[in-house]
Amino acid sequence: MIGRLHYKRDFNDLRLNGKTVKRGCLSVVFKPADNFSVGIRVAFAVGRSVGGAVVRNRIKRRLREAFSKMITNNKLVPKGDYLIRVFPAAKNKSFVCLENNLEKIIESLRKDND
């Protein structure tokens, strides 16, 4: 199950101690889990420049589904906190394109984390 980031202190910690990887229209900030963390927590940053509320929510649903799919397909997703930023170019991207970009980012984070 994917948790969500809620608190400002979590976002500040992610900003200060996280590693950022960009690929295409996505940018992911990742901070590995410490001994006290439960698992995977995700937050999405999709600004108004991407589109209206319908477009932004559609992109968030697609990314959440792609992330869940990676976990259920037993792809090694490092435990920790993720902030997924979406740039305006994502407005016209398909689910497959977003999924591929996210998978490549997670794969590079996993390699760096090993």
Protein backbone atom coordinates (compact mmCIF):
# COMPACT_ATOMS: atom_id res chain seq x y z
CA MET A 1 0.00 0.00 0.00
CA ILE A 2 1.19 3.48 -0.82
CA GLY A 3 1.03 6.08 1.92
CA ARG A 4 0.84 9.82 1.44
CA LEU A 5 3.04 12.63 2.63
CA HIS A 6 1.03 15.10 4.70
CA TYR A 7 3.18 17.18 6.99
CA LYS A 8 5.35 20.18 6.23
CA ARG A 9 8.26 18.69 8.18
CA ASP A 10 8.22 15.66 5.85
CA PHE A 11 8.34 17.88 2.77
CA ASN A 12 11.16 19.97 4.27
CA ASP A 13 13.13 16.84 5.13
CA LEU A 14 12.60 15.54 1.61
CA ARG A 15 13.75 18.85 0.12
CA LEU A 16 16.88 19.00 2.29
CA ASN A 17 17.92 15.34 2.25
CA GLY A 18 16.36 13.98 -0.92
CA LYS A 19 17.91 13.07 -4.25
CA THR A 20 16.31 14.45 -7.42
CA VAL A 21 16.09 12.61 -10.74
CA LYS A 22 14.51 14.15 -13.85
CA ARG A 23 13.31 12.29 -16.89
CA GLY A 24 11.11 13.76 -19.57
CA CYS A 25 8.16 15.58 -18.06
CA LEU A 26 8.68 14.15 -14.56
CA SER A 27 10.99 14.94 -11.68
CA VAL A 28 11.17 12.73 -8.59
CA VAL A 29 12.69 13.70 -5.26
CA PHE A 30 13.46 10.59 -3.17
CA LYS A 31 14.61 10.11 0.40
CA PRO A 32 15.29 6.53 1.51
CA ALA A 33 13.36 5.21 4.49
CA ASP A 34 15.04 5.28 7.88
CA ASN A 35 14.57 2.68 10.61
CA PHE A 36 11.33 4.28 11.81
CA SER A 37 9.56 4.62 8.46
CA VAL A 38 6.81 2.23 7.54
CA GLY A 39 7.23 1.93 3.78
CA ILE A 40 6.52 4.00 0.71
CA ARG A 41 4.92 7.44 0.89
CA VAL A 42 4.18 9.54 -2.19
CA ALA A 43 3.14 13.13 -2.88
CA PHE A 44 2.37 14.71 -6.24
CA ALA A 45 3.07 18.28 -7.32
CA VAL A 46 1.07 19.13 -10.41
CA GLY A 47 0.84 22.88 -10.94
CA ARG A 48 -1.80 24.89 -12.75
CA SER A 49 0.55 25.37 -15.67
CA VAL A 50 -0.05 21.70 -16.53
CA GLY A 51 -3.75 22.29 -17.11
CA GLY A 52 -7.12 22.56 -15.45
CA ALA A 53 -8.24 20.53 -12.46
CA VAL A 54 -9.51 17.68 -14.62
CA VAL A 55 -6.16 17.34 -16.42
CA ARG A 56 -4.13 17.60 -13.20
CA ASN A 57 -6.26 15.00 -11.42
CA ARG A 58 -6.08 12.65 -14.42
CA ILE A 59 -2.28 12.85 -14.41
CA LYS A 60 -2.16 12.19 -10.65
CA ARG A 61 -4.43 9.15 -11.03
CA ARG A 62 -2.29 7.82 -13.87
CA LEU A 63 0.93 8.25 -11.91
CA ARG A 64 -0.57 6.70 -8.77
CA GLU A 65 -1.71 3.72 -10.85
CA ALA A 66 1.71 3.38 -12.51
CA PHE A 67 3.40 3.45 -9.09
CA SER A 68 1.00 0.84 -7.69
CA LYS A 69 1.50 -1.31 -10.75
CA MET A 70 5.28 -1.30 -10.23
CA ILE A 71 4.83 -2.45 -6.64
CA THR A 72 2.33 -5.21 -7.45
CA ASN A 73 4.46 -6.48 -10.35
CA ASN A 74 7.28 -7.07 -7.85
CA LYS A 75 9.53 -4.43 -9.34
CA LEU A 76 12.00 -3.34 -6.72
CA VAL A 77 10.75 0.03 -5.54
CA PRO A 78 12.98 1.41 -2.76
CA LYS A 79 11.15 2.20 0.47
CA GLY A 80 11.08 5.86 1.35
CA ASP A 81 9.42 9.15 0.56
CA TYR A 82 8.76 10.35 -2.99
CA LEU A 83 7.72 13.72 -4.34
CA ILE A 84 6.72 13.43 -7.98
CA ARG A 85 6.73 16.77 -9.82
CA VAL A 86 4.97 17.06 -13.14
CA PHE A 87 5.88 19.60 -15.82
CA PRO A 88 3.48 21.09 -18.42
CA ALA A 89 4.66 18.73 -21.18
CA ALA A 90 2.88 15.89 -19.35
CA LYS A 91 -0.50 17.28 -20.42
CA ASN A 92 -0.31 15.53 -23.78
CA LYS A 93 1.45 12.33 -22.66
CA SER A 94 -0.23 8.94 -22.60
CA PHE A 95 -0.37 6.62 -19.62
CA VAL A 96 2.29 4.39 -21.17
CA CYS A 97 4.69 7.32 -21.62
CA LEU A 98 4.21 8.52 -18.03
CA GLU A 99 4.59 4.96 -16.77
CA ASN A 100 7.82 4.41 -18.72
CA ASN A 101 9.34 7.68 -17.46
CA LEU A 102 8.42 6.82 -13.87
CA GLU A 103 9.83 3.29 -14.18
CA LYS A 104 13.15 4.60 -15.53
CA ILE A 105 13.40 7.12 -12.70
CA ILE A 106 12.64 4.50 -10.03
CA GLU A 107 15.15 2.12 -11.63
CA SER A 108 17.91 4.75 -11.50
CA LEU A 109 17.03 5.56 -7.87
CA ARG A 110 17.18 1.88 -6.99
CA LYS A 111 20.60 1.50 -8.60
CA ASP A 112 21.90 4.57 -6.75
CA ASN A 113 20.46 3.27 -3.49
CA ASP A 114 22.12 -0.17 -3.69
